[in-house]
Every structure is written in structure tokens, then in C-alpha cells.
Amino acid sequence: MKGLCLCLGSLLLGSTALAATEGDPILAPLAHVSTDAAPGMYCDLSLGLSATNEILGVEYDCHGTKEYKDFYPVDKIKQGAVLYHNDTVNVDVIVVSAPNLDVTKGGPVNFHYLSNYLGGEYKDWGAEIDPQGINWVAYTSPSEGHYPFNNLFAQKRTVFGQVVGIQAIQATWTSN
């Protein structure tokens, strides 16, 4: 279960674009992700953009008790990309997919997350990404009110004091 706590801590994750070197995607921060399952652990979800503001992929960069960074090309995001897999219990904790994502217009994004490891239960949380001029903005799904967000918080689910999954995902907007 300790491994599950760590994996939930590294789960989820206004744009100032940053490019590392010529030819690399321009990174535009989309959401800061945290959880109470692993205090001090956080991840940043950024869009990788072309010079013409088209989505090339997504970078997921995590820091804290475990650090890792990966870039998922847009084709992988359309199919579904595992943002975090717990090797200890061999389970995907969170998968992001966007089969109808348009690289210039955005579209719906689905977060498929482990809700209860004990029962093998997963839930889905929907969002959208849309261009706003040269910036890209994340929104909650229409059923959740279509509010802009730049922070995601994964509230832990516990059973007898042990983390077994994600109770809920909360989206908020924080001014920098």
C-alpha cells in the first residue's frame, strides 16, 4: 500500500511558453497537479506547442519524493497515455486520452483514474483545452460547468487509513 500512496502522490497534474532548445516543442504550462495522498509531491502538465501554436504533445514533469518527466506526442495522447503506473501493484493509476483532440482547436480530454484499488474501480473526469489567442486554457467539462482551471487536486480515498485510490478531482483557477 505504501507504493500506492506514492503513486497517487505523483498522479495528476495561463500559459507562459518556454522552449528548451531550437527544434524542441515550446512548453506552455497548463495545470499544476497535487494530491493529499503524497504531501510534497506535485506534477506540472504542459502542452508542447509548435512555433505556429499547434499541439505537438504533452509534458508531465513531477517533483518531490519521486521525480520523473516524460513527453507524450499528440498521437499517443489521442490513443491514451499512462501518466502514472504503479509498478509495486502493477496498476495504471491515471491515463489521459483525447481521441478527438484537434491540434489547432483543442477539444475534450479524459482523465481515467484509479478510484478504488481494492475493487479495481476506475472513474473518468472530463476536461477541455481550447486556444485563447496565443494561449491555451484548460476548462472543466460542460457537465462540470466549463470553468477555467490551472490547478488539479486529487483527493485521496482511504480504507482503514490506507490510500486505495482517488476520491475526487478538484479543479481551480489560481492567479500567479
C-alpha atoms as a PDB file:
ATOM      1  CA  MET A   1       0.000   0.000   0.000  1.00  0.00           C
ATOM      2  CA  LYS A   2       2.933   2.335   0.620  1.00  0.00           C
ATOM      3  CA  GLY A   3       3.727   2.136  -3.094  1.00  0.00           C
ATOM      4  CA  LEU A   4       0.147   3.022  -3.909  1.00  0.00           C
ATOM      5  CA  CYS A   5       0.387   6.129  -1.694  1.00  0.00           C
ATOM      6  CA  LEU A   6       3.500   7.236  -3.564  1.00  0.00           C
ATOM      7  CA  CYS A   7       1.922   6.614  -6.935  1.00  0.00           C
ATOM      8  CA  LEU A   8      -1.181   8.618  -6.064  1.00  0.00           C
ATOM      9  CA  GLY A   9       1.055  11.440  -4.915  1.00  0.00           C
ATOM     10  CA  SER A  10       2.582  11.625  -8.333  1.00  0.00           C
ATOM     11  CA  LEU A  11      -0.676  11.334 -10.221  1.00  0.00           C
ATOM     12  CA  LEU A  12      -2.162  14.151 -11.786  1.00  0.00           C
ATOM     13  CA  LEU A  13      -1.350  17.094 -12.873  1.00  0.00           C
ATOM     14  CA  GLY A  14      -2.450  30.885 -18.144  1.00  0.00           C
ATOM     15  CA  SER A  15       0.445  29.949 -20.330  1.00  0.00           C
ATOM     16  CA  THR A  16       3.928  31.325 -20.459  1.00  0.00           C
ATOM     17  CA  ALA A  17       5.659  29.318 -23.156  1.00  0.00           C
ATOM     18  CA  LEU A  18       9.233  28.092 -22.737  1.00  0.00           C
ATOM     19  CA  ALA A  19      11.450  26.402 -25.308  1.00  0.00           C
ATOM     20  CA  ALA A  20      14.497  24.410 -24.211  1.00  0.00           C
ATOM     21  CA  THR A  21      16.410  24.398 -27.496  1.00  0.00           C
ATOM     22  CA  GLU A  22      15.681  25.033 -31.137  1.00  0.00           C
ATOM     23  CA  GLY A  23      13.530  22.232 -32.525  1.00  0.00           C
ATOM     24  CA  ASP A  24      12.064  21.331 -29.129  1.00  0.00           C
ATOM     25  CA  PRO A  25       8.380  21.949 -28.533  1.00  0.00           C
ATOM     26  CA  ILE A  26       7.545  25.237 -26.870  1.00  0.00           C
ATOM     27  CA  LEU A  27       6.225  24.324 -23.410  1.00  0.00           C
ATOM     28  CA  ALA A  28       3.073  26.111 -22.266  1.00  0.00           C
ATOM     29  CA  PRO A  29       2.072  25.322 -18.651  1.00  0.00           C
ATOM     30  CA  LEU A  30      -1.489  24.030 -18.460  1.00  0.00           C
ATOM     31  CA  ALA A  31      -2.065  22.708 -14.917  1.00  0.00           C
ATOM     32  CA  HIS A  32      -0.262  22.174 -11.631  1.00  0.00           C
ATOM     33  CA  VAL A  33      -1.251  18.838 -10.116  1.00  0.00           C
ATOM     34  CA  SER A  34      -1.106  17.759  -6.463  1.00  0.00           C
ATOM     35  CA  THR A  35      -2.658  15.257  -4.061  1.00  0.00           C
ATOM     36  CA  ASP A  36      -3.001  14.714  -0.331  1.00  0.00           C
ATOM     37  CA  ALA A  37      -2.001  11.074  -0.899  1.00  0.00           C
ATOM     38  CA  ALA A  38       1.641  12.197  -1.027  1.00  0.00           C
ATOM     39  CA  PRO A  39       2.229  15.606   0.589  1.00  0.00           C
ATOM     40  CA  GLY A  40       5.080  17.487  -1.049  1.00  0.00           C
ATOM     41  CA  MET A  41       4.671  15.662  -4.347  1.00  0.00           C
ATOM     42  CA  TYR A  42       3.495  17.689  -7.334  1.00  0.00           C
ATOM     43  CA  CYS A  43       3.444  17.495 -11.112  1.00  0.00           C
ATOM     44  CA  ASP A  44       3.162  20.041 -13.886  1.00  0.00           C
ATOM     45  CA  LEU A  45       1.227  19.304 -17.047  1.00  0.00           C
ATOM     46  CA  SER A  46       2.347  21.393 -20.038  1.00  0.00           C
ATOM     47  CA  LEU A  47       1.387  21.461 -23.675  1.00  0.00           C
ATOM     48  CA  GLY A  48       4.214  21.075 -26.160  1.00  0.00           C
ATOM     49  CA  LEU A  49       3.484  23.528 -28.973  1.00  0.00           C
ATOM     50  CA  SER A  50       4.926  24.227 -32.420  1.00  0.00           C
ATOM     51  CA  ALA A  51       6.046  27.704 -33.471  1.00  0.00           C
ATOM     52  CA  THR A  52       2.590  28.075 -35.064  1.00  0.00           C
ATOM     53  CA  ASN A  53       0.826  27.229 -31.748  1.00  0.00           C
ATOM     54  CA  GLU A  54      -0.238  23.702 -32.764  1.00  0.00           C
ATOM     55  CA  ILE A  55      -0.250  20.980 -30.106  1.00  0.00           C
ATOM     56  CA  LEU A  56       2.646  18.558 -30.577  1.00  0.00           C
ATOM     57  CA  GLY A  57       2.180  16.702 -27.307  1.00  0.00           C
ATOM     58  CA  VAL A  58       2.068  16.899 -23.515  1.00  0.00           C
ATOM     59  CA  GLU A  59       4.879  17.016 -20.974  1.00  0.00           C
ATOM     60  CA  TYR A  60       4.314  15.604 -17.480  1.00  0.00           C
ATOM     61  CA  ASP A  61       7.010  16.751 -15.032  1.00  0.00           C
ATOM     62  CA  CYS A  62       6.891  15.530 -11.404  1.00  0.00           C
ATOM     63  CA  HIS A  63       8.899  16.573  -8.352  1.00  0.00           C
ATOM     64  CA  GLY A  64       9.034  15.633  -4.677  1.00  0.00           C
ATOM     65  CA  THR A  65       9.644  12.211  -3.192  1.00  0.00           C
ATOM     66  CA  LYS A  66       9.903  10.787  -6.712  1.00  0.00           C
ATOM     67  CA  GLU A  67      10.992  12.775  -9.754  1.00  0.00           C
ATOM     68  CA  TYR A  68      10.320  11.984 -13.378  1.00  0.00           C
ATOM     69  CA  LYS A  69       9.490  13.725 -16.620  1.00  0.00           C
ATOM     70  CA  ASP A  70       8.063  12.397 -19.851  1.00  0.00           C
ATOM     71  CA  PHE A  71       6.776  13.828 -23.127  1.00  0.00           C
ATOM     72  CA  TYR A  72       3.822  12.206 -24.894  1.00  0.00           C
ATOM     73  CA  PRO A  73       3.348  13.040 -28.599  1.00  0.00           C
ATOM     74  CA  VAL A  74      -0.164  14.053 -29.646  1.00  0.00           C
ATOM     75  CA  ASP A  75      -0.791  10.676 -31.342  1.00  0.00           C
ATOM     76  CA  LYS A  76      -0.100   8.921 -28.024  1.00  0.00           C
ATOM     77  CA  ILE A  77      -2.430  11.329 -26.179  1.00  0.00           C
ATOM     78  CA  LYS A  78      -5.171  10.558 -28.713  1.00  0.00           C
ATOM     79  CA  GLN A  79      -4.754   6.814 -28.027  1.00  0.00           C
ATOM     80  CA  GLY A  80      -4.299   7.190 -24.280  1.00  0.00           C
ATOM     81  CA  ALA A  81      -1.091   7.796 -22.356  1.00  0.00           C
ATOM     82  CA  VAL A  82      -0.387   6.343 -18.930  1.00  0.00           C
ATOM     83  CA  LEU A  83       0.742   9.281 -16.814  1.00  0.00           C
ATOM     84  CA  TYR A  84       1.460   7.060 -13.850  1.00  0.00           C
ATOM     85  CA  HIS A  85       1.730   3.292 -13.467  1.00  0.00           C
ATOM     86  CA  ASN A  86       2.421   1.766 -10.055  1.00  0.00           C
ATOM     87  CA  ASP A  87       4.966  -0.997 -10.544  1.00  0.00           C
ATOM     88  CA  THR A  88       4.589  -2.258  -6.968  1.00  0.00           C
ATOM     89  CA  VAL A  89       0.999  -3.370  -7.512  1.00  0.00           C
ATOM     90  CA  ASN A  90       1.161  -3.351 -11.347  1.00  0.00           C
ATOM     91  CA  VAL A  91      -1.741  -0.964 -11.923  1.00  0.00           C
ATOM     92  CA  ASP A  92      -2.265   2.119 -14.084  1.00  0.00           C
ATOM     93  CA  VAL A  93      -3.194   4.939 -11.732  1.00  0.00           C
ATOM     94  CA  ILE A  94      -4.002   7.643 -14.259  1.00  0.00           C
ATOM     95  CA  VAL A  95      -4.381   7.645 -18.018  1.00  0.00           C
ATOM     96  CA  VAL A  96      -5.060  10.734 -20.121  1.00  0.00           C
ATOM     97  CA  SER A  97      -6.712  10.448 -23.525  1.00  0.00           C
ATOM     98  CA  ALA A  98      -8.121  12.822 -26.106  1.00  0.00           C
ATOM     99  CA  PRO A  99      -9.222  10.862 -29.193  1.00  0.00           C
ATOM    100  CA  ASN A 100     -10.968  13.898 -30.742  1.00  0.00           C
ATOM    101  CA  LEU A 101      -8.238  16.432 -29.991  1.00  0.00           C
ATOM    102  CA  ASP A 102      -7.639  18.890 -32.816  1.00  0.00           C
ATOM    103  CA  VAL A 103      -4.084  20.250 -32.750  1.00  0.00           C
ATOM    104  CA  THR A 104      -5.251  23.782 -33.637  1.00  0.00           C
ATOM    105  CA  LYS A 105      -8.705  23.938 -31.984  1.00  0.00           C
ATOM    106  CA  GLY A 106      -8.232  21.733 -28.903  1.00  0.00           C
ATOM    107  CA  GLY A 107     -11.070  19.579 -27.668  1.00  0.00           C
ATOM    108  CA  PRO A 108     -12.178  17.190 -24.938  1.00  0.00           C
ATOM    109  CA  VAL A 109      -9.663  15.405 -22.687  1.00  0.00           C
ATOM    110  CA  ASN A 110     -10.430  12.472 -20.390  1.00  0.00           C
ATOM    111  CA  PHE A 111      -8.589  11.534 -17.202  1.00  0.00           C
ATOM    112  CA  HIS A 112      -9.233   7.857 -16.375  1.00  0.00           C
ATOM    113  CA  TYR A 113      -8.128   7.324 -12.775  1.00  0.00           C
ATOM    114  CA  LEU A 114      -7.980   4.619 -10.138  1.00  0.00           C
ATOM    115  CA  SER A 115     -10.846   5.222  -7.742  1.00  0.00           C
ATOM    116  CA  ASN A 116     -10.540   2.103  -5.598  1.00  0.00           C
ATOM    117  CA  TYR A 117      -7.663  -0.350  -5.941  1.00  0.00           C
ATOM    118  CA  LEU A 118      -9.390  -2.907  -3.702  1.00  0.00           C
ATOM    119  CA  GLY A 119     -12.327  -3.256  -6.094  1.00  0.00           C
ATOM    120  CA  GLY A 120     -10.420  -2.469  -9.290  1.00  0.00           C
ATOM    121  CA  GLU A 121     -12.692   0.539  -9.818  1.00  0.00           C
ATOM    122  CA  TYR A 122     -11.855   3.412 -12.155  1.00  0.00           C
ATOM    123  CA  LYS A 123     -13.640   6.708 -12.781  1.00  0.00           C
ATOM    124  CA  ASP A 124     -13.417   9.323 -15.514  1.00  0.00           C
ATOM    125  CA  TRP A 125     -13.039  13.068 -15.186  1.00  0.00           C
ATOM    126  CA  GLY A 126     -13.511  15.208 -18.273  1.00  0.00           C
ATOM    127  CA  ALA A 127     -11.910  18.466 -19.273  1.00  0.00           C
ATOM    128  CA  GLU A 128     -11.335  20.513 -22.419  1.00  0.00           C
ATOM    129  CA  ILE A 129      -8.435  22.500 -23.759  1.00  0.00           C
ATOM    130  CA  ASP A 130      -9.061  25.472 -26.010  1.00  0.00           C
ATOM    131  CA  PRO A 131      -6.857  28.127 -27.595  1.00  0.00           C
ATOM    132  CA  GLN A 132      -7.418  31.669 -26.363  1.00  0.00           C
ATOM    133  CA  GLY A 133      -5.388  33.768 -28.766  1.00  0.00           C
ATOM    134  CA  ILE A 134      -1.796  32.565 -28.404  1.00  0.00           C
ATOM    135  CA  ASN A 135      -2.516  30.919 -25.047  1.00  0.00           C
ATOM    136  CA  TRP A 136      -4.170  27.590 -24.310  1.00  0.00           C
ATOM    137  CA  VAL A 137      -6.617  27.236 -21.416  1.00  0.00           C
ATOM    138  CA  ALA A 138      -7.940  24.126 -19.672  1.00  0.00           C
ATOM    139  CA  TYR A 139     -11.642  24.010 -18.753  1.00  0.00           C
ATOM    140  CA  THR A 140     -13.740  21.613 -16.744  1.00  0.00           C
ATOM    141  CA  SER A 141     -16.201  19.644 -18.849  1.00  0.00           C
ATOM    142  CA  PRO A 142     -19.551  21.217 -19.754  1.00  0.00           C
ATOM    143  CA  SER A 143     -21.254  18.914 -17.204  1.00  0.00           C
ATOM    144  CA  GLU A 144     -18.932  20.387 -14.536  1.00  0.00           C
ATOM    145  CA  GLY A 145     -19.718  23.987 -15.532  1.00  0.00           C
ATOM    146  CA  HIS A 146     -16.972  24.621 -18.130  1.00  0.00           C
ATOM    147  CA  TYR A 147     -14.808  26.673 -15.730  1.00  0.00           C
ATOM    148  CA  PRO A 148     -11.167  27.503 -16.495  1.00  0.00           C
ATOM    149  CA  PHE A 149      -8.581  25.823 -14.276  1.00  0.00           C
ATOM    150  CA  ASN A 150      -4.824  25.716 -13.856  1.00  0.00           C
ATOM    151  CA  ASN A 151      -4.690  23.558 -10.712  1.00  0.00           C
ATOM    152  CA  LEU A 152      -5.860  19.986 -10.214  1.00  0.00           C
ATOM    153  CA  PHE A 153      -6.065  18.361  -6.799  1.00  0.00           C
ATOM    154  CA  ALA A 154      -6.608  14.613  -6.418  1.00  0.00           C
ATOM    155  CA  GLN A 155      -8.322  13.952  -3.115  1.00  0.00           C
ATOM    156  CA  LYS A 156      -7.201  10.599  -1.743  1.00  0.00           C
ATOM    157  CA  ARG A 157      -9.599   7.743  -0.978  1.00  0.00           C
ATOM    158  CA  THR A 158      -8.713   5.756   2.136  1.00  0.00           C
ATOM    159  CA  VAL A 159      -9.905   2.497   3.655  1.00  0.00           C
ATOM    160  CA  PHE A 160      -8.839   1.801   7.256  1.00  0.00           C
ATOM    161  CA  GLY A 161      -6.287   4.601   6.963  1.00  0.00           C
ATOM    162  CA  GLN A 162      -4.656   3.245   3.791  1.00  0.00           C
ATOM    163  CA  VAL A 163      -4.765   5.098   0.470  1.00  0.00           C
ATOM    164  CA  VAL A 164      -6.595   2.969  -2.085  1.00  0.00           C
ATOM    165  CA  GLY A 165      -7.380   5.478  -4.832  1.00  0.00           C
ATOM    166  CA  ILE A 166      -8.712   8.881  -5.737  1.00  0.00           C
ATOM    167  CA  GLN A 167     -11.954  10.064  -4.126  1.00  0.00           C
ATOM    168  CA  ALA A 168     -12.398  13.087  -6.403  1.00  0.00           C
ATOM    169  CA  ILE A 169     -10.565  15.508  -8.672  1.00  0.00           C
ATOM    170  CA  GLN A 170     -10.976  19.194  -7.904  1.00  0.00           C
ATOM    171  CA  ALA A 171     -10.143  21.882 -10.466  1.00  0.00           C
ATOM    172  CA  THR A 172      -9.445  25.509  -9.522  1.00  0.00           C
ATOM    173  CA  TRP A 173      -8.004  28.660 -11.053  1.00  0.00           C
ATOM    174  CA  THR A 174      -5.147  30.352  -9.205  1.00  0.00           C
ATOM    175  CA  SER A 175      -3.763  33.715 -10.314  1.00  0.00           C
ATOM    176  CA  ASN A 176       0.021  33.755 -10.467  1.00  0.00           C
END
